[in-house]
Amino acid sequence: MPEWAALVLCRLASTHKLAVVANICAPKQAWVEEFDRVGISGMFRYTAFSSDFRSIKPSPVLYREALRGVGAQSHEALFVGDSLRHDMEGAKRVGLSTAWITPRPQPHPSVDYLLSTLQEIEAYAA
């Protein structure tokens, strides 16, 4: 993870409840170790890994679990992701606002905010 991205997460975590919702096909230990290595594990209030819940995005299971884990309702949260199909469409079906990080932004019914980098999310987090 680039240092700038860890700094963005650190700033966001100081004012917002952050969670991870990730599709992974193996036990989460490697991810947890990487989060520890780059110093971001303490920034997340909750992690919802597909391997823990036997469900993958775009299923609503992981999104709802993350909302429960941070104590939020769907209308209070913003989901940030890079996959239109797995992240944006699934999050939108659960009632979340969405921010799509993509190098080729294009409007889509499942997308509320188009971002070309993670750094841009800070403009919406104020």
C-alpha atoms as a PDB file:
ATOM      1  CA  MET A   1       0.000   0.000   0.000  1.00  0.00           C
ATOM      2  CA  PRO A   2       1.408   3.406  -0.891  1.00  0.00           C
ATOM      3  CA  GLU A   3       2.155   5.680   2.047  1.00  0.00           C
ATOM      4  CA  TRP A   4      -0.209   8.356   0.710  1.00  0.00           C
ATOM      5  CA  ALA A   5      -3.125   5.892   0.803  1.00  0.00           C
ATOM      6  CA  ALA A   6      -2.367   4.921   4.406  1.00  0.00           C
ATOM      7  CA  LEU A   7      -2.311   8.628   5.304  1.00  0.00           C
ATOM      8  CA  VAL A   8      -5.711   9.169   3.638  1.00  0.00           C
ATOM      9  CA  LEU A   9      -7.148   6.262   5.646  1.00  0.00           C
ATOM     10  CA  CYS A  10      -5.596   7.638   8.832  1.00  0.00           C
ATOM     11  CA  ARG A  11      -7.195  11.044   8.299  1.00  0.00           C
ATOM     12  CA  LEU A  12     -10.570   9.482   7.480  1.00  0.00           C
ATOM     13  CA  ALA A  13     -10.410   7.171  10.500  1.00  0.00           C
ATOM     14  CA  SER A  14      -9.983  10.173  12.784  1.00  0.00           C
ATOM     15  CA  THR A  15     -13.465  11.437  11.859  1.00  0.00           C
ATOM     16  CA  HIS A  16     -15.341   8.417  10.455  1.00  0.00           C
ATOM     17  CA  LYS A  17     -15.984   4.770  11.314  1.00  0.00           C
ATOM     18  CA  LEU A  18     -14.175   2.746   8.652  1.00  0.00           C
ATOM     19  CA  ALA A  19     -14.813  -0.873   7.737  1.00  0.00           C
ATOM     20  CA  VAL A  20     -13.348  -3.267   5.202  1.00  0.00           C
ATOM     21  CA  VAL A  21     -15.602  -5.367   2.982  1.00  0.00           C
ATOM     22  CA  ALA A  22     -13.490  -7.664   0.842  1.00  0.00           C
ATOM     23  CA  ASN A  23     -13.874 -10.717  -1.340  1.00  0.00           C
ATOM     24  CA  ILE A  24     -10.988 -13.077  -0.648  1.00  0.00           C
ATOM     25  CA  CYS A  25     -10.679 -16.751  -1.519  1.00  0.00           C
ATOM     26  CA  ALA A  26      -8.393 -17.740   1.345  1.00  0.00           C
ATOM     27  CA  PRO A  27      -8.177 -17.271   5.089  1.00  0.00           C
ATOM     28  CA  LYS A  28      -7.848 -13.619   6.042  1.00  0.00           C
ATOM     29  CA  GLN A  29      -4.551 -13.944   7.940  1.00  0.00           C
ATOM     30  CA  ALA A  30      -2.390 -12.701   5.053  1.00  0.00           C
ATOM     31  CA  TRP A  31      -4.573  -9.591   4.735  1.00  0.00           C
ATOM     32  CA  VAL A  32      -4.508  -8.953   8.481  1.00  0.00           C
ATOM     33  CA  GLU A  33      -0.720  -9.261   8.495  1.00  0.00           C
ATOM     34  CA  GLU A  34      -0.423  -6.838   5.578  1.00  0.00           C
ATOM     35  CA  PHE A  35      -2.708  -4.335   7.298  1.00  0.00           C
ATOM     36  CA  ASP A  36      -0.467  -4.604  10.375  1.00  0.00           C
ATOM     37  CA  ARG A  37       2.705  -4.255   8.286  1.00  0.00           C
ATOM     38  CA  VAL A  38       1.589  -1.012   6.654  1.00  0.00           C
ATOM     39  CA  GLY A  39       0.073   0.340   9.883  1.00  0.00           C
ATOM     40  CA  ILE A  40      -3.593   0.514   8.917  1.00  0.00           C
ATOM     41  CA  SER A  41      -5.190  -2.319  10.886  1.00  0.00           C
ATOM     42  CA  GLY A  42      -6.154  -0.046  13.779  1.00  0.00           C
ATOM     43  CA  MET A  43      -7.977   2.306  11.429  1.00  0.00           C
ATOM     44  CA  PHE A  44     -10.807  -0.123  10.726  1.00  0.00           C
ATOM     45  CA  ARG A  45     -13.596  -0.568  13.229  1.00  0.00           C
ATOM     46  CA  TYR A  46     -14.712  -3.733  11.494  1.00  0.00           C
ATOM     47  CA  THR A  47     -13.623  -6.128   8.770  1.00  0.00           C
ATOM     48  CA  ALA A  48     -15.990  -8.297   6.744  1.00  0.00           C
ATOM     49  CA  PHE A  49     -14.004 -10.784   4.687  1.00  0.00           C
ATOM     50  CA  SER A  50     -15.893 -13.116   2.381  1.00  0.00           C
ATOM     51  CA  SER A  51     -13.922 -16.078   3.702  1.00  0.00           C
ATOM     52  CA  ASP A  52     -15.387 -15.458   7.182  1.00  0.00           C
ATOM     53  CA  PHE A  53     -18.998 -15.288   6.055  1.00  0.00           C
ATOM     54  CA  ARG A  54     -19.110 -17.715   3.131  1.00  0.00           C
ATOM     55  CA  SER A  55     -20.572 -15.011   0.971  1.00  0.00           C
ATOM     56  CA  ILE A  56     -19.111 -12.791  -1.728  1.00  0.00           C
ATOM     57  CA  LYS A  57     -19.974  -9.346  -2.991  1.00  0.00           C
ATOM     58  CA  PRO A  58     -22.327  -8.381  -4.532  1.00  0.00           C
ATOM     59  CA  SER A  59     -24.363 -10.451  -2.044  1.00  0.00           C
ATOM     60  CA  PRO A  60     -25.873  -8.179   0.628  1.00  0.00           C
ATOM     61  CA  VAL A  61     -24.442 -10.303   3.457  1.00  0.00           C
ATOM     62  CA  LEU A  62     -21.035  -8.614   3.717  1.00  0.00           C
ATOM     63  CA  TYR A  63     -22.402  -5.085   3.376  1.00  0.00           C
ATOM     64  CA  ARG A  64     -24.994  -5.670   6.088  1.00  0.00           C
ATOM     65  CA  GLU A  65     -22.408  -7.281   8.341  1.00  0.00           C
ATOM     66  CA  ALA A  66     -20.100  -4.261   7.972  1.00  0.00           C
ATOM     67  CA  LEU A  67     -22.958  -1.877   8.746  1.00  0.00           C
ATOM     68  CA  ARG A  68     -23.800  -3.890  11.842  1.00  0.00           C
ATOM     69  CA  GLY A  69     -20.132  -3.954  12.830  1.00  0.00           C
ATOM     70  CA  VAL A  70     -19.812  -0.163  12.801  1.00  0.00           C
ATOM     71  CA  GLY A  71     -23.301   0.469  14.170  1.00  0.00           C
ATOM     72  CA  ALA A  72     -24.628   2.313  11.127  1.00  0.00           C
ATOM     73  CA  GLN A  73     -27.731   2.242   8.976  1.00  0.00           C
ATOM     74  CA  SER A  74     -27.340   2.099   5.207  1.00  0.00           C
ATOM     75  CA  HIS A  75     -28.453   5.727   4.749  1.00  0.00           C
ATOM     76  CA  GLU A  76     -25.617   6.824   7.084  1.00  0.00           C
ATOM     77  CA  ALA A  77     -22.797   5.147   5.179  1.00  0.00           C
ATOM     78  CA  LEU A  78     -20.745   5.560   2.036  1.00  0.00           C
ATOM     79  CA  PHE A  79     -19.266   2.517   0.316  1.00  0.00           C
ATOM     80  CA  VAL A  80     -16.020   3.131  -1.575  1.00  0.00           C
ATOM     81  CA  GLY A  81     -14.823   0.524  -4.053  1.00  0.00           C
ATOM     82  CA  ASP A  82     -13.243  -0.131  -7.419  1.00  0.00           C
ATOM     83  CA  SER A  83     -15.509  -2.774  -8.940  1.00  0.00           C
ATOM     84  CA  LEU A  84     -18.701  -1.658 -10.598  1.00  0.00           C
ATOM     85  CA  ARG A  85     -20.299  -5.110 -10.446  1.00  0.00           C
ATOM     86  CA  HIS A  86     -19.100  -6.368  -7.081  1.00  0.00           C
ATOM     87  CA  ASP A  87     -18.817  -3.134  -5.129  1.00  0.00           C
ATOM     88  CA  MET A  88     -21.149  -0.495  -6.531  1.00  0.00           C
ATOM     89  CA  GLU A  89     -24.098  -2.621  -7.637  1.00  0.00           C
ATOM     90  CA  GLY A  90     -24.085  -4.694  -4.458  1.00  0.00           C
ATOM     91  CA  ALA A  91     -23.757  -1.683  -2.156  1.00  0.00           C
ATOM     92  CA  LYS A  92     -26.507   0.195  -3.961  1.00  0.00           C
ATOM     93  CA  ARG A  93     -28.898  -2.773  -3.576  1.00  0.00           C
ATOM     94  CA  VAL A  94     -28.379  -2.540   0.201  1.00  0.00           C
ATOM     95  CA  GLY A  95     -29.211   1.171   0.126  1.00  0.00           C
ATOM     96  CA  LEU A  96     -25.689   2.549   0.524  1.00  0.00           C
ATOM     97  CA  SER A  97     -24.370   5.654  -1.160  1.00  0.00           C
ATOM     98  CA  THR A  98     -21.471   4.696  -3.401  1.00  0.00           C
ATOM     99  CA  ALA A  99     -18.156   6.139  -4.528  1.00  0.00           C
ATOM    100  CA  TRP A 100     -16.497   4.342  -7.443  1.00  0.00           C
ATOM    101  CA  ILE A 101     -12.737   4.667  -7.822  1.00  0.00           C
ATOM    102  CA  THR A 102     -11.868   4.058 -11.454  1.00  0.00           C
ATOM    103  CA  PRO A 103      -9.334   5.439 -13.914  1.00  0.00           C
ATOM    104  CA  ARG A 104     -12.126   5.770 -16.490  1.00  0.00           C
ATOM    105  CA  PRO A 105     -15.061   7.379 -14.673  1.00  0.00           C
ATOM    106  CA  GLN A 106     -18.410   7.000 -16.355  1.00  0.00           C
ATOM    107  CA  PRO A 107     -21.901   7.601 -14.982  1.00  0.00           C
ATOM    108  CA  HIS A 108     -23.829   4.541 -13.839  1.00  0.00           C
ATOM    109  CA  PRO A 109     -27.121   4.166 -11.902  1.00  0.00           C
ATOM    110  CA  SER A 110     -25.291   2.373  -9.059  1.00  0.00           C
ATOM    111  CA  VAL A 111     -22.720   5.155  -8.623  1.00  0.00           C
ATOM    112  CA  ASP A 112     -23.243   8.338  -6.625  1.00  0.00           C
ATOM    113  CA  TYR A 113     -19.678   9.683  -6.750  1.00  0.00           C
ATOM    114  CA  LEU A 114     -17.007   9.100  -9.393  1.00  0.00           C
ATOM    115  CA  LEU A 115     -13.399   9.254  -8.220  1.00  0.00           C
ATOM    116  CA  SER A 116     -10.175   8.698 -10.102  1.00  0.00           C
ATOM    117  CA  THR A 117      -8.144   8.120  -6.887  1.00  0.00           C
ATOM    118  CA  LEU A 118      -8.777   7.377  -3.228  1.00  0.00           C
ATOM    119  CA  GLN A 119      -7.414  10.827  -2.345  1.00  0.00           C
ATOM    120  CA  GLU A 120     -10.526  12.440  -3.804  1.00  0.00           C
ATOM    121  CA  ILE A 121     -12.750  10.853  -1.152  1.00  0.00           C
ATOM    122  CA  GLU A 122     -11.620  13.404   1.411  1.00  0.00           C
ATOM    123  CA  ALA A 123     -13.548  16.121  -0.431  1.00  0.00           C
ATOM    124  CA  TYR A 124     -16.783  14.211   0.317  1.00  0.00           C
ATOM    125  CA  ALA A 125     -15.883  13.222   3.877  1.00  0.00           C
ATOM    126  CA  ALA A 126     -16.051  16.708   5.385  1.00  0.00           C
END
